[in-house]
């Protein structure tokens, strides 16, 4: 359905006898492709938080390119298998049937710039936990800087760096000292 809706202006141009203006159609096709790519990347960024919250580490790691890297408070890992292992090591494996009732990520202010088969994105996150009264409370705030690549027709994260904003932590220099703040962002 989405493809039909986005392609509709192209159908109008062709059906109204405007097919002679092929540069205009090519430009419109390029603009539609750009919008579709931006939306696909936004969906990757949203799925990132959803999979992390569900502790579905295999699905989470599948969002990364074969040579994709994640850098943040847990250190750095490369490739889907390495990223999945990093999460399991730092966050533990969830029990079968796990349902997260204690925390979640809120992804926001996504800015995406596509250049052919590569892209960059900036976004922010809030990590909420439950208070003793079972109310949501923001525990961490930060930002992501991403490089993405189209791999086998799908957008994948090539490089993700997380920067803690509250509490502040430089994502380019991950915490390594015992007891250092290392949120699940």
C-alpha atoms as a PDB file:
ATOM      1  CA  UNK A   1       0.000   0.000   0.000  1.00  0.00           C
ATOM      2  CA  UNK A   2       2.819   2.410   0.869  1.00  0.00           C
ATOM      3  CA  UNK A   3       4.445   1.933  -2.546  1.00  0.00           C
ATOM      4  CA  UNK A   4       1.164   2.649  -4.339  1.00  0.00           C
ATOM      5  CA  UNK A   5       0.590   5.807  -2.300  1.00  0.00           C
ATOM      6  CA  UNK A   6       4.103   7.158  -2.918  1.00  0.00           C
ATOM      7  CA  UNK A   7       4.082   6.190  -6.589  1.00  0.00           C
ATOM      8  CA  UNK A   8       0.722   7.918  -7.187  1.00  0.00           C
ATOM      9  CA  UNK A   9       2.262  11.252  -8.344  1.00  0.00           C
ATOM     10  CA  UNK A  10       4.317   9.308 -10.891  1.00  0.00           C
ATOM     11  CA  UNK A  11       1.164   7.657 -12.232  1.00  0.00           C
ATOM     12  CA  UNK A  12      -0.478  11.069 -12.579  1.00  0.00           C
ATOM     13  CA  UNK A  13       2.479  12.466 -14.505  1.00  0.00           C
ATOM     14  CA  UNK A  14       2.559   9.551 -16.906  1.00  0.00           C
ATOM     15  CA  UNK A  15      -1.207   9.347 -17.367  1.00  0.00           C
ATOM     16  CA  UNK A  16      -1.612  13.067 -18.049  1.00  0.00           C
ATOM     17  CA  UNK A  17       0.736  12.935 -21.037  1.00  0.00           C
ATOM     18  CA  UNK A  18       3.583  14.521 -19.095  1.00  0.00           C
ATOM     19  CA  UNK A  19       5.869  11.550 -19.740  1.00  0.00           C
ATOM     20  CA  UNK A  20       7.887  13.758 -22.092  1.00  0.00           C
ATOM     21  CA  UNK A  21       9.354  15.505 -19.061  1.00  0.00           C
ATOM     22  CA  UNK A  22      11.590  12.590 -18.085  1.00  0.00           C
ATOM     23  CA  UNK A  23      14.045  14.763 -16.098  1.00  0.00           C
ATOM     24  CA  UNK A  24      11.127  15.833 -13.913  1.00  0.00           C
ATOM     25  CA  UNK A  25      10.025  12.224 -13.421  1.00  0.00           C
ATOM     26  CA  UNK A  26      13.592  11.194 -12.620  1.00  0.00           C
ATOM     27  CA  UNK A  27      13.816  13.999 -10.050  1.00  0.00           C
ATOM     28  CA  UNK A  28      10.508  12.974  -8.507  1.00  0.00           C
ATOM     29  CA  UNK A  29      11.612   9.333  -8.365  1.00  0.00           C
ATOM     30  CA  UNK A  30      14.823  10.417  -6.651  1.00  0.00           C
ATOM     31  CA  UNK A  31      12.894  12.485  -4.103  1.00  0.00           C
ATOM     32  CA  UNK A  32      10.506   9.608  -3.371  1.00  0.00           C
ATOM     33  CA  UNK A  33      13.464   7.228  -2.953  1.00  0.00           C
ATOM     34  CA  UNK A  34      15.070   9.721  -0.546  1.00  0.00           C
ATOM     35  CA  UNK A  35      11.901   9.885   1.561  1.00  0.00           C
ATOM     36  CA  UNK A  36      11.519   6.092   1.569  1.00  0.00           C
ATOM     37  CA  UNK A  37      15.162   5.694   2.644  1.00  0.00           C
ATOM     38  CA  UNK A  38      14.785   8.243   5.441  1.00  0.00           C
ATOM     39  CA  UNK A  39      11.670   6.477   6.717  1.00  0.00           C
ATOM     40  CA  UNK A  40      13.345   3.053   6.544  1.00  0.00           C
ATOM     41  CA  UNK A  41      16.260   4.409   8.591  1.00  0.00           C
ATOM     42  CA  UNK A  42      13.907   5.925  11.170  1.00  0.00           C
ATOM     43  CA  UNK A  43      12.271   2.497  11.491  1.00  0.00           C
ATOM     44  CA  UNK A  44      15.716   0.946  12.152  1.00  0.00           C
ATOM     45  CA  UNK A  45      16.357   3.517  14.892  1.00  0.00           C
ATOM     46  CA  UNK A  46      12.950   2.839  16.489  1.00  0.00           C
ATOM     47  CA  UNK A  47      13.397  -0.948  16.259  1.00  0.00           C
ATOM     48  CA  UNK A  48      16.763  -0.539  18.010  1.00  0.00           C
ATOM     49  CA  UNK A  49      15.030   0.671  21.184  1.00  0.00           C
ATOM     50  CA  UNK A  50      12.153  -1.785  20.899  1.00  0.00           C
ATOM     51  CA  UNK A  51      14.446  -4.814  20.506  1.00  0.00           C
ATOM     52  CA  UNK A  52      16.701  -3.639  23.326  1.00  0.00           C
ATOM     53  CA  UNK A  53      13.721  -3.149  25.648  1.00  0.00           C
ATOM     54  CA  UNK A  54      12.362  -6.600  24.746  1.00  0.00           C
ATOM     55  CA  UNK A  55      15.855  -8.010  25.356  1.00  0.00           C
ATOM     56  CA  UNK A  56      15.685  -9.574  21.908  1.00  0.00           C
ATOM     57  CA  UNK A  57      19.427  -9.316  21.427  1.00  0.00           C
ATOM     58  CA  UNK A  58      19.508 -11.361  18.222  1.00  0.00           C
ATOM     59  CA  UNK A  59      17.006  -9.030  16.510  1.00  0.00           C
ATOM     60  CA  UNK A  60      18.826  -6.023  17.972  1.00  0.00           C
ATOM     61  CA  UNK A  61      22.184  -7.217  16.627  1.00  0.00           C
ATOM     62  CA  UNK A  62      20.613  -7.914  13.210  1.00  0.00           C
ATOM     63  CA  UNK A  63      20.142  -4.144  12.806  1.00  0.00           C
ATOM     64  CA  UNK A  64      23.917  -3.825  12.413  1.00  0.00           C
ATOM     65  CA  UNK A  65      25.933  -4.346   9.231  1.00  0.00           C
ATOM     66  CA  UNK A  66      28.288  -7.295   8.972  1.00  0.00           C
ATOM     67  CA  UNK A  67      31.141  -4.950   9.947  1.00  0.00           C
ATOM     68  CA  UNK A  68      28.939  -2.729  12.119  1.00  0.00           C
ATOM     69  CA  UNK A  69      30.288  -1.379  15.401  1.00  0.00           C
ATOM     70  CA  UNK A  70      28.599  -0.221  18.585  1.00  0.00           C
ATOM     71  CA  UNK A  71      30.546   2.052  20.939  1.00  0.00           C
ATOM     72  CA  UNK A  72      29.290   3.276  24.283  1.00  0.00           C
ATOM     73  CA  UNK A  73      29.345   2.691  28.025  1.00  0.00           C
ATOM     74  CA  UNK A  74      29.820  -1.060  27.666  1.00  0.00           C
ATOM     75  CA  UNK A  75      32.873  -0.584  25.452  1.00  0.00           C
ATOM     76  CA  UNK A  76      32.848  -1.496  21.779  1.00  0.00           C
ATOM     77  CA  UNK A  77      31.775  -4.526  19.745  1.00  0.00           C
ATOM     78  CA  UNK A  78      31.853  -5.334  16.038  1.00  0.00           C
ATOM     79  CA  UNK A  79      29.473  -7.397  13.913  1.00  0.00           C
ATOM     80  CA  UNK A  80      26.079  -8.765  14.891  1.00  0.00           C
ATOM     81  CA  UNK A  81      27.517 -11.752  16.805  1.00  0.00           C
ATOM     82  CA  UNK A  82      29.929  -9.548  18.756  1.00  0.00           C
ATOM     83  CA  UNK A  83      27.231  -7.017  19.562  1.00  0.00           C
ATOM     84  CA  UNK A  84      24.823  -9.720  20.732  1.00  0.00           C
ATOM     85  CA  UNK A  85      27.540 -11.247  22.939  1.00  0.00           C
ATOM     86  CA  UNK A  86      28.321  -7.804  24.424  1.00  0.00           C
ATOM     87  CA  UNK A  87      24.672  -7.306  25.384  1.00  0.00           C
ATOM     88  CA  UNK A  88      24.332 -10.768  26.882  1.00  0.00           C
ATOM     89  CA  UNK A  89      27.543 -10.280  28.859  1.00  0.00           C
ATOM     90  CA  UNK A  90      26.533  -6.854  30.208  1.00  0.00           C
ATOM     91  CA  UNK A  91      22.756  -7.182  30.551  1.00  0.00           C
ATOM     92  CA  UNK A  92      22.335 -10.939  30.967  1.00  0.00           C
ATOM     93  CA  UNK A  93      20.118 -13.263  28.993  1.00  0.00           C
ATOM     94  CA  UNK A  94      16.397 -12.808  29.531  1.00  0.00           C
ATOM     95  CA  UNK A  95      14.344 -15.700  30.830  1.00  0.00           C
ATOM     96  CA  UNK A  96      11.999 -17.402  28.320  1.00  0.00           C
ATOM     97  CA  UNK A  97       8.814 -15.381  27.813  1.00  0.00           C
ATOM     98  CA  UNK A  98      10.423 -12.206  29.185  1.00  0.00           C
ATOM     99  CA  UNK A  99       8.159  -9.139  29.230  1.00  0.00           C
ATOM    100  CA  UNK A 100       9.817  -5.892  30.229  1.00  0.00           C
ATOM    101  CA  UNK A 101       7.751  -4.163  32.887  1.00  0.00           C
ATOM    102  CA  UNK A 102      10.478  -2.086  34.483  1.00  0.00           C
ATOM    103  CA  UNK A 103      12.093   0.164  31.854  1.00  0.00           C
ATOM    104  CA  UNK A 104      12.004   1.413  28.269  1.00  0.00           C
ATOM    105  CA  UNK A 105      13.764   3.665  25.766  1.00  0.00           C
ATOM    106  CA  UNK A 106      12.100   6.635  24.124  1.00  0.00           C
ATOM    107  CA  UNK A 107      13.764   7.561  20.811  1.00  0.00           C
ATOM    108  CA  UNK A 108      13.284  11.093  19.571  1.00  0.00           C
ATOM    109  CA  UNK A 109      14.498  14.012  17.402  1.00  0.00           C
ATOM    110  CA  UNK A 110      15.776  11.874  14.551  1.00  0.00           C
ATOM    111  CA  UNK A 111      17.658  13.658  11.812  1.00  0.00           C
ATOM    112  CA  UNK A 112      18.606  11.540   8.782  1.00  0.00           C
ATOM    113  CA  UNK A 113      20.770  12.457   5.803  1.00  0.00           C
ATOM    114  CA  UNK A 114      20.953   9.946   2.941  1.00  0.00           C
ATOM    115  CA  UNK A 115      23.728   9.899   0.331  1.00  0.00           C
ATOM    116  CA  UNK A 116      23.043   7.040  -2.050  1.00  0.00           C
ATOM    117  CA  UNK A 117      23.732   3.786  -0.214  1.00  0.00           C
ATOM    118  CA  UNK A 118      25.142   5.449   2.903  1.00  0.00           C
ATOM    119  CA  UNK A 119      23.561   7.726   5.463  1.00  0.00           C
ATOM    120  CA  UNK A 120      24.155   9.504   8.744  1.00  0.00           C
ATOM    121  CA  UNK A 121      21.660   9.982  11.530  1.00  0.00           C
ATOM    122  CA  UNK A 122      21.504  11.809  14.823  1.00  0.00           C
ATOM    123  CA  UNK A 123      18.916  11.067  17.453  1.00  0.00           C
ATOM    124  CA  UNK A 124      18.249  11.372  21.154  1.00  0.00           C
ATOM    125  CA  UNK A 125      17.033   8.914  23.738  1.00  0.00           C
ATOM    126  CA  UNK A 126      15.546   8.915  27.197  1.00  0.00           C
ATOM    127  CA  UNK A 127      15.770   5.766  29.277  1.00  0.00           C
ATOM    128  CA  UNK A 128      12.904   5.401  31.737  1.00  0.00           C
ATOM    129  CA  UNK A 129      12.760   3.132  34.765  1.00  0.00           C
ATOM    130  CA  UNK A 130       9.930   2.405  37.201  1.00  0.00           C
ATOM    131  CA  UNK A 131       9.877   4.220  40.538  1.00  0.00           C
ATOM    132  CA  UNK A 132       8.944   2.351  43.735  1.00  0.00           C
ATOM    133  CA  UNK A 133       5.413   3.701  43.109  1.00  0.00           C
ATOM    134  CA  UNK A 134       5.511   2.064  39.654  1.00  0.00           C
ATOM    135  CA  UNK A 135       5.614   5.372  37.786  1.00  0.00           C
ATOM    136  CA  UNK A 136       7.960   6.097  34.877  1.00  0.00           C
ATOM    137  CA  UNK A 137      11.024   8.153  35.721  1.00  0.00           C
ATOM    138  CA  UNK A 138      13.689   9.325  33.306  1.00  0.00           C
ATOM    139  CA  UNK A 139      16.970   7.780  34.447  1.00  0.00           C
ATOM    140  CA  UNK A 140      19.319   8.535  31.524  1.00  0.00           C
ATOM    141  CA  UNK A 141      19.352  10.900  28.568  1.00  0.00           C
ATOM    142  CA  UNK A 142      21.714  10.787  25.645  1.00  0.00           C
ATOM    143  CA  UNK A 143      22.283  11.005  21.956  1.00  0.00           C
ATOM    144  CA  UNK A 144      23.271   8.645  19.189  1.00  0.00           C
ATOM    145  CA  UNK A 145      25.448   9.361  16.199  1.00  0.00           C
ATOM    146  CA  UNK A 146      25.022   6.787  13.450  1.00  0.00           C
ATOM    147  CA  UNK A 147      26.539   5.871  10.130  1.00  0.00           C
ATOM    148  CA  UNK A 148      24.339   3.555   8.090  1.00  0.00           C
ATOM    149  CA  UNK A 149      24.791   1.517   4.939  1.00  0.00           C
ATOM    150  CA  UNK A 150      22.427  -0.246   2.578  1.00  0.00           C
ATOM    151  CA  UNK A 151      23.430  -3.901   2.845  1.00  0.00           C
ATOM    152  CA  UNK A 152      21.632  -6.557   0.805  1.00  0.00           C
ATOM    153  CA  UNK A 153      18.849  -4.030   0.128  1.00  0.00           C
ATOM    154  CA  UNK A 154      18.295  -3.232   3.832  1.00  0.00           C
ATOM    155  CA  UNK A 155      19.488  -0.269   5.879  1.00  0.00           C
ATOM    156  CA  UNK A 156      21.919  -1.374   8.591  1.00  0.00           C
ATOM    157  CA  UNK A 157      23.876   0.482  11.231  1.00  0.00           C
ATOM    158  CA  UNK A 158      27.556   0.574  10.281  1.00  0.00           C
ATOM    159  CA  UNK A 159      28.667   2.569  13.286  1.00  0.00           C
ATOM    160  CA  UNK A 160      26.718   3.687  16.338  1.00  0.00           C
ATOM    161  CA  UNK A 161      28.200   5.819  19.058  1.00  0.00           C
ATOM    162  CA  UNK A 162      26.185   6.665  22.130  1.00  0.00           C
ATOM    163  CA  UNK A 163      26.963   9.766  24.160  1.00  0.00           C
ATOM    164  CA  UNK A 164      25.563  10.130  27.644  1.00  0.00           C
ATOM    165  CA  UNK A 165      24.142  13.600  28.202  1.00  0.00           C
ATOM    166  CA  UNK A 166      22.620  13.118  31.686  1.00  0.00           C
ATOM    167  CA  UNK A 167      24.753  11.785  33.260  1.00  0.00           C
ATOM    168  CA  UNK A 168      27.392  13.037  30.871  1.00  0.00           C
ATOM    169  CA  UNK A 169      29.673  10.464  29.265  1.00  0.00           C
ATOM    170  CA  UNK A 170      31.782  10.857  26.135  1.00  0.00           C
ATOM    171  CA  UNK A 171      30.871   8.051  23.741  1.00  0.00           C
ATOM    172  CA  UNK A 172      34.253   8.398  22.066  1.00  0.00           C
ATOM    173  CA  UNK A 173      35.947   7.423  25.328  1.00  0.00           C
ATOM    174  CA  UNK A 174      33.833   4.595  26.827  1.00  0.00           C
ATOM    175  CA  UNK A 175      33.915   4.145  30.575  1.00  0.00           C
ATOM    176  CA  UNK A 176      36.258   1.331  31.575  1.00  0.00           C
ATOM    177  CA  UNK A 177      36.830   1.973  35.279  1.00  0.00           C
ATOM    178  CA  UNK A 178      34.998  -0.285  37.754  1.00  0.00           C
ATOM    179  CA  UNK A 179      31.776   1.356  38.854  1.00  0.00           C
ATOM    180  CA  UNK A 180      31.832   3.877  36.004  1.00  0.00           C
ATOM    181  CA  UNK A 181      28.428   4.981  34.761  1.00  0.00           C
ATOM    182  CA  UNK A 182      27.431   2.715  31.921  1.00  0.00           C
ATOM    183  CA  UNK A 183      23.780   2.986  31.034  1.00  0.00           C
ATOM    184  CA  UNK A 184      21.984   0.636  28.712  1.00  0.00           C
ATOM    185  CA  UNK A 185      21.717   3.308  25.983  1.00  0.00           C
END
